[in-house]
Amino acid sequence: MWEQLGIASPDWAQLGQLSVRLVVACGLAAVLGLEREARGRQAGLRTHMLVALGSALFTAIPLQSGAASVGEIVKGITAGIGFLGAGAILKQESEKRISGITTAAGIWTTAGIGFAAGAGFIGSAIVATVLAWLILYPLDGLAEPLRDENPPSEESKPKQHA
């Protein structure tokens, strides 16, 4: 049947391996995306899952086909994620602050988790997900008391001399 369509018969083992890697990437990204979604932050569940899925897919297919080196894959993924991360970072001139840095870092980390899962390093992807979750969730609670709700004005900051 496949030959009649001009398509090579699928390698079911390879398809199964790819499916597991993509599902793992999406599942791990969902852990981080749910945390962001629950806090009402930018880039929630779907964004994290799509970033990981894309990274895993762009990693697994070239590796399975032998079409690209790992270095080329990493360069391509990081360039694309850089655009997403830059879009998440906003400079709020009226408040003299920058927001979205953690969102951008989370997107970048999620891409790395997707890359690891897509390359078959499932254990590494799991460890990275656990560490990222610890950084985003419990560590944020520990840092809360340290945050200053009223940062000093420009006039009260010490002057820097060139």
Protein backbone atom coordinates (compact mmCIF):
# COMPACT_ATOMS: atom_id res chain seq x y z
CA MET A 1 0.00 0.00 0.00
CA TRP A 2 2.71 2.52 0.98
CA GLU A 3 4.72 1.79 -2.15
CA GLN A 4 1.72 2.59 -4.34
CA LEU A 5 1.67 6.06 -2.80
CA GLY A 6 5.39 6.48 -3.43
CA ILE A 7 6.13 6.40 0.30
CA ALA A 8 8.58 4.03 1.93
CA SER A 9 7.02 1.58 4.33
CA PRO A 10 7.17 3.02 7.86
CA ASP A 11 9.77 1.73 10.28
CA TRP A 12 7.44 0.96 13.18
CA ALA A 13 10.25 0.65 15.72
CA GLN A 14 11.59 4.06 14.74
CA LEU A 15 8.10 5.54 14.81
CA GLY A 16 7.51 4.08 18.28
CA GLN A 17 10.81 5.51 19.53
CA LEU A 18 9.97 8.94 18.10
CA SER A 19 6.49 8.84 19.63
CA VAL A 20 7.85 8.07 23.10
CA ARG A 21 10.38 10.89 22.87
CA LEU A 22 7.77 13.41 21.75
CA VAL A 23 5.25 12.36 24.41
CA VAL A 24 7.94 12.56 27.12
CA ALA A 25 8.96 16.04 25.92
CA CYS A 26 5.33 17.22 26.03
CA GLY A 27 4.68 15.62 29.42
CA LEU A 28 7.75 17.15 31.05
CA ALA A 29 7.00 20.57 29.55
CA ALA A 30 3.46 20.30 30.90
CA VAL A 31 4.89 20.16 34.43
CA LEU A 32 6.56 23.54 33.94
CA GLY A 33 3.73 25.00 31.89
CA LEU A 34 1.13 24.12 34.52
CA GLU A 35 3.18 25.91 37.18
CA ARG A 36 3.32 29.04 35.02
CA GLU A 37 -0.36 28.76 34.07
CA ALA A 38 -1.46 28.38 37.71
CA ARG A 39 0.37 31.60 38.59
CA GLY A 40 -1.13 33.50 35.67
CA ARG A 41 2.29 34.09 34.12
CA GLN A 42 3.13 34.55 30.48
CA ALA A 43 3.88 31.42 28.47
CA GLY A 44 1.77 28.80 30.17
CA LEU A 45 0.90 25.19 29.50
CA ARG A 46 0.44 25.19 25.73
CA THR A 47 3.46 27.38 25.03
CA HIS A 48 5.79 25.18 27.08
CA MET A 49 4.43 22.01 25.51
CA LEU A 50 4.78 23.38 21.98
CA VAL A 51 8.34 24.59 22.63
CA ALA A 52 9.37 21.17 23.95
CA LEU A 53 7.55 19.33 21.15
CA GLY A 54 9.21 21.47 18.49
CA SER A 55 12.64 21.08 20.05
CA ALA A 56 12.21 17.32 20.40
CA LEU A 57 10.97 16.97 16.82
CA PHE A 58 13.73 19.18 15.37
CA THR A 59 16.22 17.04 17.30
CA ALA A 60 14.89 13.52 16.75
CA ILE A 61 14.20 13.65 13.00
CA PRO A 62 17.68 14.81 11.89
CA LEU A 63 19.34 12.40 14.34
CA GLN A 64 17.25 9.47 13.11
CA SER A 65 17.91 10.33 9.47
CA GLY A 66 21.58 11.20 9.96
CA ALA A 67 20.95 14.50 8.16
CA ALA A 68 22.50 16.89 10.69
CA SER A 69 25.08 17.04 13.44
CA VAL A 70 24.09 17.70 17.04
CA GLY A 71 25.87 21.06 16.91
CA GLU A 72 23.80 22.18 13.93
CA ILE A 73 20.60 21.10 15.69
CA VAL A 74 21.47 23.00 18.86
CA LYS A 75 22.33 26.15 16.88
CA GLY A 76 19.01 26.04 15.05
CA ILE A 77 16.94 25.48 18.18
CA THR A 78 18.68 28.16 20.23
CA ALA A 79 18.30 30.73 17.44
CA GLY A 80 14.57 30.09 17.22
CA ILE A 81 14.08 30.09 20.98
CA GLY A 82 16.05 33.32 21.22
CA PHE A 83 13.35 35.06 19.19
CA LEU A 84 10.61 33.66 21.43
CA GLY A 85 12.49 34.65 24.56
CA ALA A 86 13.15 38.15 23.29
CA GLY A 87 9.45 38.53 22.59
CA ALA A 88 8.63 37.57 26.18
CA ILE A 89 10.91 40.23 27.69
CA LEU A 90 9.30 43.64 28.02
CA LYS A 91 10.91 46.84 29.18
CA GLN A 92 8.35 48.89 31.05
CA GLU A 93 9.75 52.39 30.74
CA SER A 94 7.16 53.97 33.03
CA GLU A 95 8.15 51.69 35.90
CA LYS A 96 11.85 51.52 35.04
CA ARG A 97 11.80 47.75 35.17
CA ILE A 98 12.14 44.78 32.86
CA SER A 99 9.69 41.89 33.03
CA GLY A 100 9.55 38.50 31.38
CA ILE A 101 13.12 37.42 32.11
CA THR A 102 11.98 34.35 34.05
CA THR A 103 9.47 33.53 31.32
CA ALA A 104 12.20 33.75 28.68
CA ALA A 105 14.53 31.60 30.79
CA GLY A 106 11.74 29.07 31.28
CA ILE A 107 11.11 28.89 27.53
CA TRP A 108 14.84 28.43 26.94
CA THR A 109 15.03 25.68 29.58
CA THR A 110 11.95 23.96 28.15
CA ALA A 111 13.61 23.93 24.73
CA GLY A 112 16.62 22.24 26.31
CA ILE A 113 14.37 19.66 27.96
CA GLY A 114 12.72 19.01 24.59
CA PHE A 115 16.14 18.66 22.97
CA ALA A 116 17.23 16.13 25.62
CA ALA A 117 14.03 14.10 25.22
CA GLY A 118 14.25 14.25 21.43
CA ALA A 119 17.84 13.00 21.53
CA GLY A 120 16.80 10.12 23.77
CA PHE A 121 18.31 11.42 27.01
CA ILE A 122 15.10 10.88 28.95
CA GLY A 123 16.81 10.72 32.36
CA SER A 124 18.55 14.04 31.74
CA ALA A 125 15.28 15.60 30.62
CA ILE A 126 13.55 14.40 33.80
CA VAL A 127 16.32 15.73 36.07
CA ALA A 128 16.29 19.09 34.29
CA THR A 129 12.51 19.30 34.62
CA VAL A 130 12.64 18.59 38.36
CA LEU A 131 15.34 21.22 38.86
CA ALA A 132 13.48 23.80 36.77
CA TRP A 133 10.25 23.14 38.69
CA LEU A 134 12.09 23.56 42.01
CA ILE A 135 13.53 26.85 40.80
CA LEU A 136 10.18 28.16 39.53
CA TYR A 137 7.91 27.03 42.34
CA PRO A 138 9.35 26.47 45.84
CA LEU A 139 12.36 28.75 45.31
CA ASP A 140 10.04 31.57 44.27
CA GLY A 141 8.23 31.22 47.61
CA LEU A 142 11.53 31.44 49.48
CA ALA A 143 12.52 34.59 47.60
CA GLU A 144 9.18 36.33 48.15
CA PRO A 145 10.09 37.88 51.54
CA LEU A 146 13.28 39.29 50.02
CA ARG A 147 11.46 41.27 47.34
CA ASP A 148 11.10 44.97 47.86
CA GLU A 149 7.64 46.10 46.79
CA ASN A 150 8.86 49.73 46.62
CA PRO A 151 12.23 49.75 44.87
CA PRO A 152 14.34 52.86 45.47
CA SER A 153 13.85 55.78 43.12
CA GLU A 154 16.59 56.91 40.78
CA GLU A 155 17.31 59.86 43.06
CA SER A 156 17.92 57.70 46.13
CA LYS A 157 20.27 55.25 44.37
CA PRO A 158 24.01 55.83 44.83
CA LYS A 159 25.61 57.65 41.92
CA GLN A 160 28.03 55.70 39.76
CA HIS A 161 31.12 57.51 38.54
CA ALA A 162 32.74 56.67 35.24
